[in-house]
Amino acid sequence: MTNLENLTVGQLRQVVVIKEQIERLEARLSSIAGGDGDAGAASSKRRVMSASARARIAAAQRLRWAKKRGRGAAPAAAAVKKAGRRKVSAATRARLAAVAKARWAKAKASGKSVL
């Protein structure tokens, strides 16, 4: 920031005008946000988390620490249900394979080596 002693009178007036504008805007902001003058107070409120969410997070963290330490799954890790991969039926797998083979046959017939 510039030293105020090195500014001209005109520049000092501009500084004062800008500072007053900033103060007015901060006052408007706090009145809109419903604050009591401190604009940062609204953002410092702590969020409330349910007990079940805290328990899930804690169990997941215990599981991560157990894996990192090489102890496998912790006993409390059973409470955390891990979503497994979805299973595809054999018929769907066969249908997808047939579609892929047809796509490759068409690509190779047109002289392509990549899709």
PDB file of N, CA and C in Angstrom:
ATOM      1  N   MET A   1       0.843  -1.172   0.000  1.00  0.00           N
ATOM      2  CA  MET A   1       0.000   0.000   0.000  1.00  0.00           C
ATOM      3  C   MET A   1       0.888   1.235   0.000  1.00  0.00           C
ATOM      4  N   THR A   2       0.413   2.310  -0.601  1.00  0.00           N
ATOM      5  CA  THR A   2       1.186   3.540  -0.712  1.00  0.00           C
ATOM      6  C   THR A   2       1.215   4.288   0.612  1.00  0.00           C
ATOM      7  N   ASN A   3       2.354   4.883   0.907  1.00  0.00           N
ATOM      8  CA  ASN A   3       2.480   5.697   2.106  1.00  0.00           C
ATOM      9  C   ASN A   3       1.658   6.972   1.907  1.00  0.00           C
ATOM     10  N   LEU A   4       0.816   7.325   2.870  1.00  0.00           N
ATOM     11  CA  LEU A   4      -0.079   8.475   2.727  1.00  0.00           C
ATOM     12  C   LEU A   4       0.678   9.797   2.704  1.00  0.00           C
ATOM     13  N   GLU A   5       1.899   9.827   3.211  1.00  0.00           N
ATOM     14  CA  GLU A   5       2.673  11.071   3.228  1.00  0.00           C
ATOM     15  C   GLU A   5       3.126  11.466   1.824  1.00  0.00           C
ATOM     16  N   ASN A   6       3.228  10.512   0.919  1.00  0.00           N
ATOM     17  CA  ASN A   6       3.720  10.790  -0.424  1.00  0.00           C
ATOM     18  C   ASN A   6       2.609  11.137  -1.406  1.00  0.00           C
ATOM     19  N   LEU A   7       1.356  11.177  -0.945  1.00  0.00           N
ATOM     20  CA  LEU A   7       0.232  11.456  -1.840  1.00  0.00           C
ATOM     21  C   LEU A   7      -0.024  12.949  -1.943  1.00  0.00           C
ATOM     22  N   THR A   8      -0.577  13.343  -3.093  1.00  0.00           N
ATOM     23  CA  THR A   8      -0.969  14.740  -3.272  1.00  0.00           C
ATOM     24  C   THR A   8      -2.302  14.970  -2.577  1.00  0.00           C
ATOM     25  N   VAL A   9      -2.706  16.220  -2.505  1.00  0.00           N
ATOM     26  CA  VAL A   9      -3.979  16.567  -1.859  1.00  0.00           C
ATOM     27  C   VAL A   9      -5.142  15.936  -2.620  1.00  0.00           C
ATOM     28  N   GLY A  10      -5.067  15.967  -3.940  1.00  0.00           N
ATOM     29  CA  GLY A  10      -6.133  15.366  -4.753  1.00  0.00           C
ATOM     30  C   GLY A  10      -6.240  13.872  -4.528  1.00  0.00           C
ATOM     31  N   GLN A  11      -5.090  13.204  -4.423  1.00  0.00           N
ATOM     32  CA  GLN A  11      -5.093  11.765  -4.188  1.00  0.00           C
ATOM     33  C   GLN A  11      -5.631  11.437  -2.798  1.00  0.00           C
ATOM     34  N   LEU A  12      -5.298  12.276  -1.803  1.00  0.00           N
ATOM     35  CA  LEU A  12      -5.828  12.066  -0.457  1.00  0.00           C
ATOM     36  C   LEU A  12      -7.342  12.199  -0.433  1.00  0.00           C
ATOM     37  N   ARG A  13      -7.867  13.162  -1.183  1.00  0.00           N
ATOM     38  CA  ARG A  13      -9.325  13.321  -1.259  1.00  0.00           C
ATOM     39  C   ARG A  13      -9.961  12.079  -1.868  1.00  0.00           C
ATOM     40  N   GLN A  14      -9.339  11.527  -2.906  1.00  0.00           N
ATOM     41  CA  GLN A  14      -9.866  10.320  -3.526  1.00  0.00           C
ATOM     42  C   GLN A  14      -9.849   9.145  -2.539  1.00  0.00           C
ATOM     43  N   VAL A  15      -8.783   9.053  -1.750  1.00  0.00           N
ATOM     44  CA  VAL A  15      -8.693   7.990  -0.750  1.00  0.00           C
ATOM     45  C   VAL A  15      -9.831   8.107   0.253  1.00  0.00           C
ATOM     46  N   VAL A  16     -10.089   9.326   0.712  1.00  0.00           N
ATOM     47  CA  VAL A  16     -11.160   9.548   1.690  1.00  0.00           C
ATOM     48  C   VAL A  16     -12.513   9.186   1.091  1.00  0.00           C
ATOM     49  N   VAL A  17     -12.760   9.593  -0.158  1.00  0.00           N
ATOM     50  CA  VAL A  17     -14.041   9.304  -0.818  1.00  0.00           C
ATOM     51  C   VAL A  17     -14.227   7.789  -0.955  1.00  0.00           C
ATOM     52  N   ILE A  18     -13.173   7.109  -1.370  1.00  0.00           N
ATOM     53  CA  ILE A  18     -13.270   5.656  -1.559  1.00  0.00           C
ATOM     54  C   ILE A  18     -13.490   4.958  -0.225  1.00  0.00           C
ATOM     55  N   LYS A  19     -12.800   5.390   0.828  1.00  0.00           N
ATOM     56  CA  LYS A  19     -12.993   4.770   2.147  1.00  0.00           C
ATOM     57  C   LYS A  19     -14.424   4.972   2.645  1.00  0.00           C
ATOM     58  N   GLU A  20     -14.983   6.159   2.399  1.00  0.00           N
ATOM     59  CA  GLU A  20     -16.373   6.402   2.808  1.00  0.00           C
ATOM     60  C   GLU A  20     -17.324   5.509   2.030  1.00  0.00           C
ATOM     61  N   GLN A  21     -17.048   5.308   0.729  1.00  0.00           N
ATOM     62  CA  GLN A  21     -17.889   4.422  -0.072  1.00  0.00           C
ATOM     63  C   GLN A  21     -17.825   2.990   0.469  1.00  0.00           C
ATOM     64  N   ILE A  22     -16.631   2.564   0.838  1.00  0.00           N
ATOM     65  CA  ILE A  22     -16.467   1.211   1.375  1.00  0.00           C
ATOM     66  C   ILE A  22     -17.256   1.057   2.669  1.00  0.00           C
ATOM     67  N   GLU A  23     -17.196   2.055   3.540  1.00  0.00           N
ATOM     68  CA  GLU A  23     -17.930   1.992   4.809  1.00  0.00           C
ATOM     69  C   GLU A  23     -19.433   1.940   4.579  1.00  0.00           C
ATOM     70  N   ARG A  24     -19.918   2.756   3.608  1.00  0.00           N
ATOM     71  CA  ARG A  24     -21.351   2.733   3.307  1.00  0.00           C
ATOM     72  C   ARG A  24     -21.762   1.369   2.755  1.00  0.00           C
ATOM     73  N   LEU A  25     -20.946   0.806   1.860  1.00  0.00           N
ATOM     74  CA  LEU A  25     -21.270  -0.500   1.289  1.00  0.00           C
ATOM     75  C   LEU A  25     -21.239  -1.598   2.341  1.00  0.00           C
ATOM     76  N   GLU A  26     -20.291  -1.541   3.265  1.00  0.00           N
ATOM     77  CA  GLU A  26     -20.247  -2.536   4.345  1.00  0.00           C
ATOM     78  C   GLU A  26     -21.475  -2.424   5.239  1.00  0.00           C
ATOM     79  N   ALA A  27     -21.918  -1.190   5.488  1.00  0.00           N
ATOM     80  CA  ALA A  27     -23.121  -0.998   6.300  1.00  0.00           C
ATOM     81  C   ALA A  27     -24.340  -1.572   5.587  1.00  0.00           C
ATOM     82  N   ARG A  28     -24.432  -1.338   4.261  1.00  0.00           N
ATOM     83  CA  ARG A  28     -25.549  -1.890   3.482  1.00  0.00           C
ATOM     84  C   ARG A  28     -25.508  -3.404   3.482  1.00  0.00           C
ATOM     85  N   LEU A  29     -24.314  -3.952   3.331  1.00  0.00           N
ATOM     86  CA  LEU A  29     -24.160  -5.400   3.309  1.00  0.00           C
ATOM     87  C   LEU A  29     -24.593  -6.018   4.628  1.00  0.00           C
ATOM     88  N   SER A  30     -24.190  -5.417   5.737  1.00  0.00           N
ATOM     89  CA  SER A  30     -24.571  -5.980   7.033  1.00  0.00           C
ATOM     90  C   SER A  30     -26.067  -5.830   7.283  1.00  0.00           C
ATOM     91  N   SER A  31     -26.683  -4.749   6.765  1.00  0.00           N
ATOM     92  CA  SER A  31     -28.127  -4.615   6.951  1.00  0.00           C
ATOM     93  C   SER A  31     -28.887  -5.619   6.109  1.00  0.00           C
ATOM     94  N   ILE A  32     -28.365  -5.934   4.919  1.00  0.00           N
ATOM     95  CA  ILE A  32     -29.025  -6.929   4.064  1.00  0.00           C
ATOM     96  C   ILE A  32     -28.844  -8.320   4.649  1.00  0.00           C
ATOM     97  N   ALA A  33     -27.642  -8.614   5.107  1.00  0.00           N
ATOM     98  CA  ALA A  33     -27.340  -9.938   5.649  1.00  0.00           C
ATOM     99  C   ALA A  33     -27.954 -10.131   7.026  1.00  0.00           C
ATOM    100  N   GLY A  34     -28.437  -9.080   7.623  1.00  0.00           N
ATOM    101  CA  GLY A  34     -29.070  -9.188   8.932  1.00  0.00           C
ATOM    102  C   GLY A  34     -28.075  -9.279  10.067  1.00  0.00           C
ATOM    103  N   GLY A  35     -26.854  -8.902   9.788  1.00  0.00           N
ATOM    104  CA  GLY A  35     -25.825  -8.955  10.824  1.00  0.00           C
ATOM    105  C   GLY A  35     -25.920  -7.759  11.741  1.00  0.00           C
ATOM    106  N   ASP A  36     -25.178  -7.822  12.834  1.00  0.00           N
ATOM    107  CA  ASP A  36     -25.169  -6.707  13.778  1.00  0.00           C
ATOM    108  C   ASP A  36     -23.907  -5.879  13.614  1.00  0.00           C
ATOM    109  N   GLY A  37     -23.488  -5.709  12.361  1.00  0.00           N
ATOM    110  CA  GLY A  37     -22.321  -4.884  12.095  1.00  0.00           C
ATOM    111  C   GLY A  37     -21.111  -5.687  11.690  1.00  0.00           C
ATOM    112  N   ASP A  38     -21.068  -6.952  12.081  1.00  0.00           N
ATOM    113  CA  ASP A  38     -19.936  -7.797  11.726  1.00  0.00           C
ATOM    114  C   ASP A  38     -20.355  -8.680  10.561  1.00  0.00           C
ATOM    115  N   ALA A  39     -19.850  -8.385   9.361  1.00  0.00           N
ATOM    116  CA  ALA A  39     -20.251  -9.122   8.172  1.00  0.00           C
ATOM    117  C   ALA A  39     -19.739 -10.551   8.195  1.00  0.00           C
ATOM    118  N   GLY A  40     -18.635 -10.838   8.875  1.00  0.00           N
ATOM    119  CA  GLY A  40     -18.065 -12.171   8.905  1.00  0.00           C
ATOM    120  C   GLY A  40     -18.728 -13.086   9.916  1.00  0.00           C
ATOM    121  N   ALA A  41     -19.591 -12.567  10.760  1.00  0.00           N
ATOM    122  CA  ALA A  41     -20.197 -13.389  11.804  1.00  0.00           C
ATOM    123  C   ALA A  41     -21.120 -14.445  11.229  1.00  0.00           C
ATOM    124  N   ALA A  42     -21.820 -14.141  10.154  1.00  0.00           N
ATOM    125  CA  ALA A  42     -22.757 -15.093   9.585  1.00  0.00           C
ATOM    126  C   ALA A  42     -22.031 -16.301   9.008  1.00  0.00           C
ATOM    127  N   SER A  43     -20.832 -16.115   8.497  1.00  0.00           N
ATOM    128  CA  SER A  43     -20.116 -17.225   7.892  1.00  0.00           C
ATOM    129  C   SER A  43     -19.385 -18.072   8.924  1.00  0.00           C
ATOM    130  N   SER A  44     -19.305 -17.635  10.167  1.00  0.00           N
ATOM    131  CA  SER A  44     -18.563 -18.397  11.159  1.00  0.00           C
ATOM    132  C   SER A  44     -19.467 -19.307  11.985  1.00  0.00           C
ATOM    133  N   LYS A  45     -20.755 -19.399  11.667  1.00  0.00           N
ATOM    134  CA  LYS A  45     -21.648 -20.286  12.398  1.00  0.00           C
ATOM    135  C   LYS A  45     -21.303 -21.724  12.061  1.00  0.00           C
ATOM    136  N   ARG A  46     -21.386 -22.588  13.062  1.00  0.00           N
ATOM    137  CA  ARG A  46     -21.082 -23.996  12.847  1.00  0.00           C
ATOM    138  C   ARG A  46     -22.311 -24.709  12.326  1.00  0.00           C
ATOM    139  N   ARG A  47     -22.083 -25.651  11.435  1.00  0.00           N
ATOM    140  CA  ARG A  47     -23.192 -26.426  10.907  1.00  0.00           C
ATOM    141  C   ARG A  47     -23.561 -27.524  11.891  1.00  0.00           C
ATOM    142  N   VAL A  48     -24.812 -27.883  11.897  1.00  0.00           N
ATOM    143  CA  VAL A  48     -25.298 -28.927  12.781  1.00  0.00           C
ATOM    144  C   VAL A  48     -25.326 -30.232  11.992  1.00  0.00           C
ATOM    145  N   MET A  49     -24.766 -31.272  12.586  1.00  0.00           N
ATOM    146  CA  MET A  49     -24.737 -32.570  11.926  1.00  0.00           C
ATOM    147  C   MET A  49     -25.482 -33.571  12.799  1.00  0.00           C
ATOM    148  N   SER A  50     -26.250 -34.430  12.166  1.00  0.00           N
ATOM    149  CA  SER A  50     -27.013 -35.409  12.936  1.00  0.00           C
ATOM    150  C   SER A  50     -26.075 -36.444  13.551  1.00  0.00           C
ATOM    151  N   ALA A  51     -26.568 -37.095  14.576  1.00  0.00           N
ATOM    152  CA  ALA A  51     -25.760 -38.096  15.268  1.00  0.00           C
ATOM    153  C   ALA A  51     -25.456 -39.275  14.350  1.00  0.00           C
ATOM    154  N   SER A  52     -26.425 -39.647  13.520  1.00  0.00           N
ATOM    155  CA  SER A  52     -26.186 -40.779  12.623  1.00  0.00           C
ATOM    156  C   SER A  52     -25.129 -40.430  11.571  1.00  0.00           C
ATOM    157  N   ALA A  53     -25.137 -39.190  11.093  1.00  0.00           N
ATOM    158  CA  ALA A  53     -24.121 -38.775  10.128  1.00  0.00           C
ATOM    159  C   ALA A  53     -22.745 -38.767  10.772  1.00  0.00           C
ATOM    160  N   ARG A  54     -22.674 -38.278  12.015  1.00  0.00           N
ATOM    161  CA  ARG A  54     -21.401 -38.287  12.733  1.00  0.00           C
ATOM    162  C   ARG A  54     -20.896 -39.714  12.930  1.00  0.00           C
ATOM    163  N   ALA A  55     -21.818 -40.626  13.246  1.00  0.00           N
ATOM    164  CA  ALA A  55     -21.436 -42.023  13.458  1.00  0.00           C
ATOM    165  C   ALA A  55     -20.926 -42.649  12.164  1.00  0.00           C
ATOM    166  N   ARG A  56     -21.597 -42.356  11.051  1.00  0.00           N
ATOM    167  CA  ARG A  56     -21.141 -42.892   9.759  1.00  0.00           C
ATOM    168  C   ARG A  56     -19.758 -42.371   9.404  1.00  0.00           C
ATOM    169  N   ILE A  57     -19.544 -41.077   9.603  1.00  0.00           N
ATOM    170  CA  ILE A  57     -18.245 -40.476   9.291  1.00  0.00           C
ATOM    171  C   ILE A  57     -17.162 -41.053  10.191  1.00  0.00           C
ATOM    172  N   ALA A  58     -17.466 -41.207  11.485  1.00  0.00           N
ATOM    173  CA  ALA A  58     -16.485 -41.743  12.424  1.00  0.00           C
ATOM    174  C   ALA A  58     -16.135 -43.185  12.077  1.00  0.00           C
ATOM    175  N   ALA A  59     -17.141 -43.986  11.720  1.00  0.00           N
ATOM    176  CA  ALA A  59     -16.884 -45.380  11.367  1.00  0.00           C
ATOM    177  C   ALA A  59     -16.048 -45.464  10.093  1.00  0.00           C
ATOM    178  N   ALA A  60     -16.332 -44.628   9.137  1.00  0.00           N
ATOM    179  CA  ALA A  60     -15.557 -44.621   7.897  1.00  0.00           C
ATOM    180  C   ALA A  60     -14.118 -44.209   8.167  1.00  0.00           C
ATOM    181  N   GLN A  61     -13.926 -43.240   9.050  1.00  0.00           N
ATOM    182  CA  GLN A  61     -12.562 -42.808   9.379  1.00  0.00           C
ATOM    183  C   GLN A  61     -11.810 -43.908  10.115  1.00  0.00           C
ATOM    184  N   ARG A  62     -12.500 -44.603  11.051  1.00  0.00           N
ATOM    185  CA  ARG A  62     -11.847 -45.715  11.732  1.00  0.00           C
ATOM    186  C   ARG A  62     -11.432 -46.793  10.741  1.00  0.00           C
ATOM    187  N   LEU A  63     -12.268 -47.045   9.745  1.00  0.00           N
ATOM    188  CA  LEU A  63     -11.946 -48.032   8.716  1.00  0.00           C
ATOM    189  C   LEU A  63     -10.725 -47.592   7.915  1.00  0.00           C
ATOM    190  N   ARG A  64     -10.668 -46.311   7.552  1.00  0.00           N
ATOM    191  CA  ARG A  64      -9.510 -45.808   6.798  1.00  0.00           C
ATOM    192  C   ARG A  64      -8.232 -45.952   7.619  1.00  0.00           C
ATOM    193  N   TRP A  65      -8.298 -45.605   8.901  1.00  0.00           N
ATOM    194  CA  TRP A  65      -7.108 -45.711   9.749  1.00  0.00           C
ATOM    195  C   TRP A  65      -6.700 -47.171   9.917  1.00  0.00           C
ATOM    196  N   ALA A  66      -7.676 -48.070  10.070  1.00  0.00           N
ATOM    197  CA  ALA A  66      -7.357 -49.487  10.220  1.00  0.00           C
ATOM    198  C   ALA A  66      -6.680 -50.014   8.959  1.00  0.00           C
ATOM    199  N   LYS A  67      -7.165 -49.609   7.802  1.00  0.00           N
ATOM    200  CA  LYS A  67      -6.546 -50.049   6.551  1.00  0.00           C
ATOM    201  C   LYS A  67      -5.139 -49.493   6.430  1.00  0.00           C
ATOM    202  N   LYS A  68      -4.963 -48.237   6.834  1.00  0.00           N
ATOM    203  CA  LYS A  68      -3.641 -47.624   6.738  1.00  0.00           C
ATOM    204  C   LYS A  68      -2.652 -48.321   7.664  1.00  0.00           C
ATOM    205  N   ARG A  69      -3.109 -48.728   8.829  1.00  0.00           N
ATOM    206  CA  ARG A  69      -2.241 -49.397   9.795  1.00  0.00           C
ATOM    207  C   ARG A  69      -2.065 -50.875   9.472  1.00  0.00           C
ATOM    208  N   GLY A  70      -2.820 -51.358   8.483  1.00  0.00           N
ATOM    209  CA  GLY A  70      -2.686 -52.748   8.074  1.00  0.00           C
ATOM    210  C   GLY A  70      -3.435 -53.719   8.940  1.00  0.00           C
ATOM    211  N   ARG A  71      -4.423 -53.270   9.640  1.00  0.00           N
ATOM    212  CA  ARG A  71      -5.189 -54.145  10.538  1.00  0.00           C
ATOM    213  C   ARG A  71      -6.478 -54.642   9.901  1.00  0.00           C
ATOM    214  N   GLY A  72      -6.699 -54.323   8.666  1.00  0.00           N
ATOM    215  CA  GLY A  72      -7.934 -54.756   8.018  1.00  0.00           C
ATOM    216  C   GLY A  72      -9.107 -53.928   8.487  1.00  0.00           C
ATOM    217  N   ALA A  73     -10.268 -54.519   8.441  1.00  0.00           N
ATOM    218  CA  ALA A  73     -11.483 -53.799   8.807  1.00  0.00           C
ATOM    219  C   ALA A  73     -11.632 -53.753  10.316  1.00  0.00           C
ATOM    220  N   ALA A  74     -11.980 -52.598  10.817  1.00  0.00           N
ATOM    221  CA  ALA A  74     -12.238 -52.436  12.243  1.00  0.00           C
ATOM    222  C   ALA A  74     -13.605 -53.010  12.560  1.00  0.00           C
ATOM    223  N   PRO A  75     -13.860 -53.418  13.803  1.00  0.00           N
ATOM    224  CA  PRO A  75     -15.162 -53.982  14.145  1.00  0.00           C
ATOM    225  C   PRO A  75     -16.311 -53.016  13.902  1.00  0.00           C
ATOM    226  N   ALA A  76     -16.072 -51.731  14.112  1.00  0.00           N
ATOM    227  CA  ALA A  76     -17.140 -50.756  13.911  1.00  0.00           C
ATOM    228  C   ALA A  76     -17.367 -50.482  12.435  1.00  0.00           C
ATOM    229  N   ALA A  77     -16.490 -51.000  11.586  1.00  0.00           N
ATOM    230  CA  ALA A  77     -16.624 -50.749  10.157  1.00  0.00           C
ATOM    231  C   ALA A  77     -17.827 -51.472   9.574  1.00  0.00           C
ATOM    232  N   ALA A  78     -18.329 -52.463  10.277  1.00  0.00           N
ATOM    233  CA  ALA A  78     -19.493 -53.184   9.787  1.00  0.00           C
ATOM    234  C   ALA A  78     -20.711 -52.272   9.726  1.00  0.00           C
ATOM    235  N   ALA A  79     -20.704 -51.209  10.518  1.00  0.00           N
ATOM    236  CA  ALA A  79     -21.829 -50.280  10.515  1.00  0.00           C
ATOM    237  C   ALA A  79     -21.868 -49.467   9.228  1.00  0.00           C
ATOM    238  N   VAL A  80     -20.717 -49.329   8.561  1.00  0.00           N
ATOM    239  CA  VAL A  80     -20.665 -48.553   7.323  1.00  0.00           C
ATOM    240  C   VAL A  80     -20.944 -49.491   6.168  1.00  0.00           C
ATOM    241  N   LYS A  81     -22.051 -49.278   5.495  1.00  0.00           N
ATOM    242  CA  LYS A  81     -22.413 -50.121   4.382  1.00  0.00           C
ATOM    243  C   LYS A  81     -21.748 -49.580   3.128  1.00  0.00           C
ATOM    244  N   LYS A  82     -20.898 -50.385   2.530  1.00  0.00           N
ATOM    245  CA  LYS A  82     -20.186 -49.957   1.337  1.00  0.00           C
ATOM    246  C   LYS A  82     -20.964 -50.428   0.120  1.00  0.00           C
ATOM    247  N   ALA A  83     -21.212 -49.515  -0.780  1.00  0.00           N
ATOM    248  CA  ALA A  83     -21.945 -49.864  -1.986  1.00  0.00           C
ATOM    249  C   ALA A  83     -21.051 -50.685  -2.897  1.00  0.00           C
ATOM    250  N   GLY A  84     -21.498 -51.878  -3.229  1.00  0.00           N
ATOM    251  CA  GLY A  84     -20.718 -52.742  -4.099  1.00  0.00           C
ATOM    252  C   GLY A  84     -20.972 -52.410  -5.568  1.00  0.00           C
ATOM    253  N   ARG A  85     -20.235 -53.069  -6.412  1.00  0.00           N
ATOM    254  CA  ARG A  85     -20.441 -52.859  -7.845  1.00  0.00           C
ATOM    255  C   ARG A  85     -21.743 -53.523  -8.254  1.00  0.00           C
ATOM    256  N   ARG A  86     -22.394 -52.922  -9.230  1.00  0.00           N
ATOM    257  CA  ARG A  86     -23.638 -53.506  -9.695  1.00  0.00           C
ATOM    258  C   ARG A  86     -23.333 -54.728 -10.555  1.00  0.00           C
ATOM    259  N   LYS A  87     -24.135 -55.732 -10.412  1.00  0.00           N
ATOM    260  CA  LYS A  87     -23.953 -56.959 -11.165  1.00  0.00           C
ATOM    261  C   LYS A  87     -24.745 -56.873 -12.468  1.00  0.00           C
ATOM    262  N   VAL A  88     -24.144 -57.408 -13.521  1.00  0.00           N
ATOM    263  CA  VAL A  88     -24.802 -57.448 -14.825  1.00  0.00           C
ATOM    264  C   VAL A  88     -25.100 -58.906 -15.115  1.00  0.00           C
ATOM    265  N   SER A  89     -26.300 -59.171 -15.568  1.00  0.00           N
ATOM    266  CA  SER A  89     -26.681 -60.554 -15.832  1.00  0.00           C
ATOM    267  C   SER A  89     -25.885 -61.097 -17.020  1.00  0.00           C
ATOM    268  N   ALA A  90     -25.842 -62.408 -17.111  1.00  0.00           N
ATOM    269  CA  ALA A  90     -25.107 -63.060 -18.202  1.00  0.00           C
ATOM    270  C   ALA A  90     -25.713 -62.689 -19.549  1.00  0.00           C
ATOM    271  N   ALA A  91     -27.036 -62.592 -19.600  1.00  0.00           N
ATOM    272  CA  ALA A  91     -27.698 -62.239 -20.863  1.00  0.00           C
ATOM    273  C   ALA A  91     -27.313 -60.827 -21.302  1.00  0.00           C
ATOM    274  N   THR A  92     -27.266 -59.905 -20.346  1.00  0.00           N
ATOM    275  CA  THR A  92     -26.883 -58.530 -20.675  1.00  0.00           C
ATOM    276  C   THR A  92     -25.438 -58.471 -21.116  1.00  0.00           C
ATOM    277  N   ARG A  93     -24.565 -59.238 -20.439  1.00  0.00           N
ATOM    278  CA  ARG A  93     -23.158 -59.273 -20.832  1.00  0.00           C
ATOM    279  C   ARG A  93     -23.011 -59.806 -22.259  1.00  0.00           C
ATOM    280  N   ALA A  94     -23.772 -60.859 -22.594  1.00  0.00           N
ATOM    281  CA  ALA A  94     -23.712 -61.441 -23.938  1.00  0.00           C
ATOM    282  C   ALA A  94     -24.217 -60.448 -24.981  1.00  0.00           C
ATOM    283  N   ARG A  95     -25.289 -59.733 -24.643  1.00  0.00           N
ATOM    284  CA  ARG A  95     -25.835 -58.743 -25.577  1.00  0.00           C
ATOM    285  C   ARG A  95     -24.834 -57.619 -25.821  1.00  0.00           C
ATOM    286  N   LEU A  96     -24.184 -57.132 -24.748  1.00  0.00           N
ATOM    287  CA  LEU A  96     -23.188 -56.067 -24.897  1.00  0.00           C
ATOM    288  C   LEU A  96     -21.977 -56.536 -25.701  1.00  0.00           C
ATOM    289  N   ALA A  97     -21.582 -57.795 -25.489  1.00  0.00           N
ATOM    290  CA  ALA A  97     -20.453 -58.340 -26.249  1.00  0.00           C
ATOM    291  C   ALA A  97     -20.804 -58.419 -27.728  1.00  0.00           C
ATOM    292  N   ALA A  98     -22.030 -58.837 -28.043  1.00  0.00           N
ATOM    293  CA  ALA A  98     -22.453 -58.925 -29.442  1.00  0.00           C
ATOM    294  C   ALA A  98     -22.472 -57.552 -30.097  1.00  0.00           C
ATOM    295  N   VAL A  99     -22.942 -56.558 -29.361  1.00  0.00           N
ATOM    296  CA  VAL A  99     -22.970 -55.191 -29.895  1.00  0.00           C
ATOM    297  C   VAL A  99     -21.552 -54.696 -30.156  1.00  0.00           C
ATOM    298  N   ALA A 100     -20.634 -54.969 -29.228  1.00  0.00           N
ATOM    299  CA  ALA A 100     -19.243 -54.535 -29.393  1.00  0.00           C
ATOM    300  C   ALA A 100     -18.597 -55.237 -30.578  1.00  0.00           C
ATOM    301  N   LYS A 101     -18.847 -56.543 -30.724  1.00  0.00           N
ATOM    302  CA  LYS A 101     -18.277 -57.286 -31.853  1.00  0.00           C
ATOM    303  C   LYS A 101     -18.802 -56.742 -33.181  1.00  0.00           C
ATOM    304  N   ALA A 102     -20.083 -56.421 -33.230  1.00  0.00           N
ATOM    305  CA  ALA A 102     -20.657 -55.866 -34.457  1.00  0.00           C
ATOM    306  C   ALA A 102     -20.040 -54.503 -34.771  1.00  0.00           C
ATOM    307  N   ARG A 103     -19.822 -53.709 -33.729  1.00  0.00           N
ATOM    308  CA  ARG A 103     -19.218 -52.388 -33.933  1.00  0.00           C
ATOM    309  C   ARG A 103     -17.800 -52.524 -34.474  1.00  0.00           C
ATOM    310  N   TRP A 104     -17.034 -53.455 -33.908  1.00  0.00           N
ATOM    311  CA  TRP A 104     -15.663 -53.669 -34.382  1.00  0.00           C
ATOM    312  C   TRP A 104     -15.650 -54.233 -35.796  1.00  0.00           C
ATOM    313  N   ALA A 105     -16.567 -55.132 -36.097  1.00  0.00           N
ATOM    314  CA  ALA A 105     -16.628 -55.706 -37.451  1.00  0.00           C
ATOM    315  C   ALA A 105     -16.893 -54.603 -38.475  1.00  0.00           C
ATOM    316  N   LYS A 106     -17.785 -53.716 -38.132  1.00  0.00           N
ATOM    317  CA  LYS A 106     -18.111 -52.607 -39.036  1.00  0.00           C
ATOM    318  C   LYS A 106     -16.897 -51.685 -39.191  1.00  0.00           C
ATOM    319  N   ALA A 107     -16.189 -51.422 -38.104  1.00  0.00           N
ATOM    320  CA  ALA A 107     -15.017 -50.536 -38.160  1.00  0.00           C
ATOM    321  C   ALA A 107     -13.909 -51.174 -38.982  1.00  0.00           C
ATOM    322  N   LYS A 108     -13.666 -52.470 -38.782  1.00  0.00           N
ATOM    323  CA  LYS A 108     -12.619 -53.151 -39.533  1.00  0.00           C
ATOM    324  C   LYS A 108     -12.966 -53.274 -41.001  1.00  0.00           C
ATOM    325  N   ALA A 109     -14.262 -53.436 -41.293  1.00  0.00           N
ATOM    326  CA  ALA A 109     -14.691 -53.544 -42.690  1.00  0.00           C
ATOM    327  C   ALA A 109     -14.436 -52.231 -43.436  1.00  0.00           C
ATOM    328  N   SER A 110     -14.511 -51.110 -42.708  1.00  0.00           N
ATOM    329  CA  SER A 110     -14.263 -49.820 -43.353  1.00  0.00           C
ATOM    330  C   SER A 110     -12.777 -49.436 -43.310  1.00  0.00           C
ATOM    331  N   GLY A 111     -11.902 -50.356 -42.839  1.00  0.00           N
ATOM    332  CA  GLY A 111     -10.469 -50.135 -42.853  1.00  0.00           C
ATOM    333  C   GLY A 111      -9.921 -49.397 -41.643  1.00  0.00           C
ATOM    334  N   LYS A 112     -10.706 -49.250 -40.592  1.00  0.00           N
ATOM    335  CA  LYS A 112     -10.239 -48.564 -39.394  1.00  0.00           C
ATOM    336  C   LYS A 112      -9.591 -49.556 -38.430  1.00  0.00           C
ATOM    337  N   SER A 113      -8.588 -49.077 -37.711  1.00  0.00           N
ATOM    338  CA  SER A 113      -7.986 -49.923 -36.674  1.00  0.00           C
ATOM    339  C   SER A 113      -8.332 -49.418 -35.284  1.00  0.00           C
ATOM    340  N   VAL A 114      -8.975 -48.249 -35.225  1.00  0.00           N
ATOM    341  CA  VAL A 114      -9.466 -47.696 -33.960  1.00  0.00           C
ATOM    342  C   VAL A 114     -10.878 -47.207 -34.173  1.00  0.00           C
ATOM    343  N   LEU A 115     -11.650 -47.193 -33.113  1.00  0.00           N
ATOM    344  CA  LEU A 115     -13.036 -46.711 -33.241  1.00  0.00           C
ATOM    345  C   LEU A 115     -13.116 -45.222 -33.256  1.00  0.00           C
TER     346      LEU A 115
END
